[in-house]
Every structure is written in C-alpha cells, then in structure tokens.
C-alpha cells in the first residue's frame, strides 16, 4: 500500500515523498536532469521511480518539473457513484 505525500504540477502527478525519500516519475526529462539517479520502487509492488539527486539546485529542480509536464499522464477523472 502506498504511503507518503504525492506531488502535483498543474493537476498531474510528478512524484512524491515516500519511505525512500523524494522520488519522481521516470520520463525522458527526469533521466536527462538526473542521469546519475538509479530507479527504485517507492514501495513494494510499485513501478520504479527516480530518487531526486538535484535537491540542492532549486532552479534545476523547477526546470525539470516544468519540462516533465508534457510527458506526464493527465489526471484520471473520478467515476461518480450512482
């Protein structure tokens, strides 16, 4: 089961804080900005994500998230209960 905090940018999930630390989805942009980062699952049974290795560089982190946006899936609409 997932635990932690999920981060959104313009209503799209890009990452979160889990037991392993701050992780983001794997995209071409996130791999470009953090080529030294090795994928790891945030929790058991989850798809691997990239640990953030550019926390000390606020500008690079901001640019990465903004550039990741087109690569991120749109938010799924909730089904209404009948």
Protein backbone atom coordinates (compact mmCIF):
# COMPACT_ATOMS: atom_id res chain seq x y z
CA UNK A 1 0.00 0.00 0.00
CA UNK A 2 1.20 3.47 -0.84
CA UNK A 3 2.18 5.84 1.92
CA UNK A 4 3.71 9.27 1.85
CA UNK A 5 2.95 12.52 0.05
CA UNK A 6 2.12 12.88 -3.64
CA UNK A 7 3.22 15.99 -5.57
CA UNK A 8 1.24 17.53 -8.40
CA UNK A 9 2.15 20.11 -11.02
CA UNK A 10 -0.83 21.59 -12.89
CA UNK A 11 -3.01 18.66 -11.76
CA UNK A 12 -0.56 15.99 -12.95
CA UNK A 13 1.35 13.75 -10.55
CA UNK A 14 5.11 14.03 -10.98
CA UNK A 15 6.43 12.45 -7.78
CA UNK A 16 6.25 12.30 -4.04
CA UNK A 17 7.91 11.67 -0.72
CA UNK A 18 7.98 8.03 0.32
CA UNK A 19 9.95 5.96 2.82
CA UNK A 20 12.91 6.10 0.41
CA UNK A 21 12.83 9.91 0.11
CA UNK A 22 11.80 12.26 -2.71
CA UNK A 23 11.14 10.33 -5.92
CA UNK A 24 9.82 11.43 -9.33
CA UNK A 25 8.31 9.58 -12.26
CA UNK A 26 10.72 8.27 -14.86
CA UNK A 27 10.50 10.37 -18.03
CA UNK A 28 13.00 11.37 -20.69
CA UNK A 29 13.32 14.77 -18.97
CA UNK A 30 13.84 13.38 -15.46
CA UNK A 31 16.50 10.98 -16.82
CA UNK A 32 18.21 13.92 -18.58
CA UNK A 33 18.30 16.08 -15.43
CA UNK A 34 19.34 13.23 -13.12
CA UNK A 35 21.42 10.84 -15.21
CA UNK A 36 23.17 9.69 -12.01
CA UNK A 37 19.90 8.50 -10.42
CA UNK A 38 19.08 4.76 -10.36
CA UNK A 39 15.38 3.71 -10.47
CA UNK A 40 13.87 2.16 -7.34
CA UNK A 41 10.30 1.37 -6.31
CA UNK A 42 8.82 3.78 -3.74
CA UNK A 43 7.05 0.89 -2.01
CA UNK A 44 6.58 -2.84 -2.53
CA UNK A 45 4.77 -3.65 -5.78
CA UNK A 46 5.07 -0.14 -7.25
CA UNK A 47 6.61 0.93 -10.54
CA UNK A 48 10.18 2.20 -10.13
CA UNK A 49 10.77 5.93 -9.81
CA UNK A 50 13.89 8.08 -9.75
CA UNK A 51 15.32 9.38 -6.47
CA UNK A 52 15.84 13.14 -6.76
CA UNK A 53 19.54 13.96 -6.79
CA UNK A 54 19.22 17.70 -7.55
CA UNK A 55 17.57 18.90 -4.33
CA UNK A 56 20.34 21.42 -3.73
CA UNK A 57 19.71 23.10 -7.10
CA UNK A 58 16.30 24.76 -6.85
CA UNK A 59 16.41 26.13 -10.41
CA UNK A 60 17.28 22.76 -11.95
CA UNK A 61 14.53 21.04 -9.93
CA UNK A 62 11.96 23.63 -11.00
CA UNK A 63 13.03 23.40 -14.66
CA UNK A 64 12.87 19.60 -14.55
CA UNK A 65 9.31 19.56 -13.18
CA UNK A 66 8.15 22.17 -15.72
CA UNK A 67 9.75 20.27 -18.61
CA UNK A 68 8.35 16.93 -17.38
CA UNK A 69 4.77 18.25 -17.60
CA UNK A 70 4.06 17.30 -21.26
CA UNK A 71 5.36 13.77 -20.59
CA UNK A 72 3.10 13.18 -17.57
CA UNK A 73 -0.28 11.44 -17.95
CA UNK A 74 -3.41 13.52 -17.45
CA UNK A 75 -5.27 13.15 -14.19
CA UNK A 76 -7.94 10.45 -14.35
CA UNK A 77 -11.47 11.66 -13.75
CA UNK A 78 -13.28 10.15 -10.78
CA UNK A 79 -16.29 7.99 -11.52
CA UNK A 80 -19.49 9.24 -9.93
CA UNK A 81 -21.27 6.82 -7.63
CA UNK A 82 -24.80 6.02 -8.64
